[in-house]
């Protein structure tokens, strides 16, 4: 646990193994699933977010954590452009 963020407890070893398994076992089928989600969302980062939310539903400990990718390149670029001019 990060002392400054008490609302987010550390994951158990089982949850960490589950998440590492998502990485280690990522397949072509998983990539195609992300692409299919992207066709609907029209947003690559959001497609990965939705893919992970779906995959994490099978682990109760991980599923209760909100997955959200807040900062994507385009948003950062727009913010920087506004701040520069």
C-alpha atoms as a PDB file:
ATOM      1  CA  UNK A   1       0.000   0.000   0.000  1.00  0.00           C
ATOM      2  CA  UNK A   2       1.151   3.532  -0.728  1.00  0.00           C
ATOM      3  CA  UNK A   3       0.925   5.415   2.592  1.00  0.00           C
ATOM      4  CA  UNK A   4      -0.414   8.573   0.943  1.00  0.00           C
ATOM      5  CA  UNK A   5      -3.233   6.708  -0.819  1.00  0.00           C
ATOM      6  CA  UNK A   6      -4.997   4.751   1.891  1.00  0.00           C
ATOM      7  CA  UNK A   7      -8.149   4.310  -0.218  1.00  0.00           C
ATOM      8  CA  UNK A   8      -6.313   1.893  -2.514  1.00  0.00           C
ATOM      9  CA  UNK A   9      -5.069  -1.169  -0.630  1.00  0.00           C
ATOM     10  CA  UNK A  10      -2.286  -3.342  -2.014  1.00  0.00           C
ATOM     11  CA  UNK A  11      -3.295  -6.339  -4.107  1.00  0.00           C
ATOM     12  CA  UNK A  12      -2.880  -9.837  -2.735  1.00  0.00           C
ATOM     13  CA  UNK A  13      -0.302 -12.141  -4.315  1.00  0.00           C
ATOM     14  CA  UNK A  14      -3.153 -13.910  -6.127  1.00  0.00           C
ATOM     15  CA  UNK A  15      -4.432 -10.668  -7.653  1.00  0.00           C
ATOM     16  CA  UNK A  16      -0.908  -9.703  -8.715  1.00  0.00           C
ATOM     17  CA  UNK A  17      -0.483 -13.114 -10.359  1.00  0.00           C
ATOM     18  CA  UNK A  18      -3.813 -12.664 -12.131  1.00  0.00           C
ATOM     19  CA  UNK A  19      -2.724  -9.277 -13.536  1.00  0.00           C
ATOM     20  CA  UNK A  20       0.685 -10.612 -14.567  1.00  0.00           C
ATOM     21  CA  UNK A  21      -1.134 -13.443 -16.311  1.00  0.00           C
ATOM     22  CA  UNK A  22      -3.067 -10.942 -18.401  1.00  0.00           C
ATOM     23  CA  UNK A  23       0.268  -9.642 -19.660  1.00  0.00           C
ATOM     24  CA  UNK A  24       2.043 -12.981 -20.025  1.00  0.00           C
ATOM     25  CA  UNK A  25      -0.897 -14.638 -21.791  1.00  0.00           C
ATOM     26  CA  UNK A  26      -1.899 -11.738 -24.055  1.00  0.00           C
ATOM     27  CA  UNK A  27      -2.692 -13.310 -27.402  1.00  0.00           C
ATOM     28  CA  UNK A  28      -3.535 -12.465 -30.965  1.00  0.00           C
ATOM     29  CA  UNK A  29      -7.163 -13.183 -30.061  1.00  0.00           C
ATOM     30  CA  UNK A  30      -6.931 -10.600 -27.265  1.00  0.00           C
ATOM     31  CA  UNK A  31      -5.487  -8.049 -29.691  1.00  0.00           C
ATOM     32  CA  UNK A  32      -8.325  -8.746 -32.118  1.00  0.00           C
ATOM     33  CA  UNK A  33     -10.831  -8.279 -29.284  1.00  0.00           C
ATOM     34  CA  UNK A  34      -9.285  -4.867 -28.542  1.00  0.00           C
ATOM     35  CA  UNK A  35      -9.562  -3.976 -32.251  1.00  0.00           C
ATOM     36  CA  UNK A  36     -13.239  -4.996 -32.272  1.00  0.00           C
ATOM     37  CA  UNK A  37     -13.912  -2.807 -29.248  1.00  0.00           C
ATOM     38  CA  UNK A  38     -12.038   0.040 -30.939  1.00  0.00           C
ATOM     39  CA  UNK A  39     -14.368  -0.195 -33.937  1.00  0.00           C
ATOM     40  CA  UNK A  40     -17.225   0.676 -31.580  1.00  0.00           C
ATOM     41  CA  UNK A  41     -15.471   3.257 -29.400  1.00  0.00           C
ATOM     42  CA  UNK A  42     -13.370   4.795 -32.185  1.00  0.00           C
ATOM     43  CA  UNK A  43     -10.710   5.295 -29.508  1.00  0.00           C
ATOM     44  CA  UNK A  44      -7.734   2.974 -29.074  1.00  0.00           C
ATOM     45  CA  UNK A  45      -6.955   3.780 -25.436  1.00  0.00           C
ATOM     46  CA  UNK A  46     -10.617   3.483 -24.425  1.00  0.00           C
ATOM     47  CA  UNK A  47     -10.738   0.100 -26.194  1.00  0.00           C
ATOM     48  CA  UNK A  48      -7.854  -1.161 -24.049  1.00  0.00           C
ATOM     49  CA  UNK A  49      -9.604   0.179 -20.940  1.00  0.00           C
ATOM     50  CA  UNK A  50     -12.827  -1.677 -21.797  1.00  0.00           C
ATOM     51  CA  UNK A  51     -10.872  -4.846 -22.659  1.00  0.00           C
ATOM     52  CA  UNK A  52      -9.149  -4.789 -19.261  1.00  0.00           C
ATOM     53  CA  UNK A  53     -12.422  -4.128 -17.428  1.00  0.00           C
ATOM     54  CA  UNK A  54     -13.933  -7.158 -19.141  1.00  0.00           C
ATOM     55  CA  UNK A  55     -10.934  -9.405 -18.423  1.00  0.00           C
ATOM     56  CA  UNK A  56     -10.749  -8.329 -14.774  1.00  0.00           C
ATOM     57  CA  UNK A  57     -14.366  -9.288 -14.052  1.00  0.00           C
ATOM     58  CA  UNK A  58     -13.238 -12.877 -13.449  1.00  0.00           C
ATOM     59  CA  UNK A  59     -11.161 -11.831 -10.411  1.00  0.00           C
ATOM     60  CA  UNK A  60     -13.292 -10.375  -7.608  1.00  0.00           C
ATOM     61  CA  UNK A  61     -10.430  -8.497  -5.947  1.00  0.00           C
ATOM     62  CA  UNK A  62      -9.268  -6.827  -9.158  1.00  0.00           C
ATOM     63  CA  UNK A  63     -12.794  -6.271 -10.502  1.00  0.00           C
ATOM     64  CA  UNK A  64     -13.700  -3.947  -7.629  1.00  0.00           C
ATOM     65  CA  UNK A  65     -10.987  -1.464  -8.654  1.00  0.00           C
ATOM     66  CA  UNK A  66     -12.063   1.212 -11.117  1.00  0.00           C
ATOM     67  CA  UNK A  67     -10.017   1.048 -14.319  1.00  0.00           C
ATOM     68  CA  UNK A  68      -9.840   4.317 -16.165  1.00  0.00           C
ATOM     69  CA  UNK A  69      -7.154   5.723 -18.423  1.00  0.00           C
ATOM     70  CA  UNK A  70      -7.471   9.448 -17.868  1.00  0.00           C
ATOM     71  CA  UNK A  71      -4.592  10.924 -19.773  1.00  0.00           C
ATOM     72  CA  UNK A  72      -4.183  10.106 -23.439  1.00  0.00           C
ATOM     73  CA  UNK A  73      -1.839  11.773 -25.868  1.00  0.00           C
ATOM     74  CA  UNK A  74      -4.468  13.824 -27.688  1.00  0.00           C
ATOM     75  CA  UNK A  75      -5.820  15.316 -24.469  1.00  0.00           C
ATOM     76  CA  UNK A  76      -2.303  16.146 -23.318  1.00  0.00           C
ATOM     77  CA  UNK A  77      -1.477  17.697 -26.677  1.00  0.00           C
ATOM     78  CA  UNK A  78      -4.611  19.855 -26.607  1.00  0.00           C
ATOM     79  CA  UNK A  79      -3.837  21.036 -23.076  1.00  0.00           C
ATOM     80  CA  UNK A  80      -0.257  21.898 -23.986  1.00  0.00           C
ATOM     81  CA  UNK A  81      -1.384  23.775 -27.097  1.00  0.00           C
ATOM     82  CA  UNK A  82      -3.793  25.881 -25.040  1.00  0.00           C
ATOM     83  CA  UNK A  83      -1.128  26.612 -22.440  1.00  0.00           C
ATOM     84  CA  UNK A  84       1.427  27.616 -25.064  1.00  0.00           C
ATOM     85  CA  UNK A  85      -0.775  30.134 -26.844  1.00  0.00           C
END
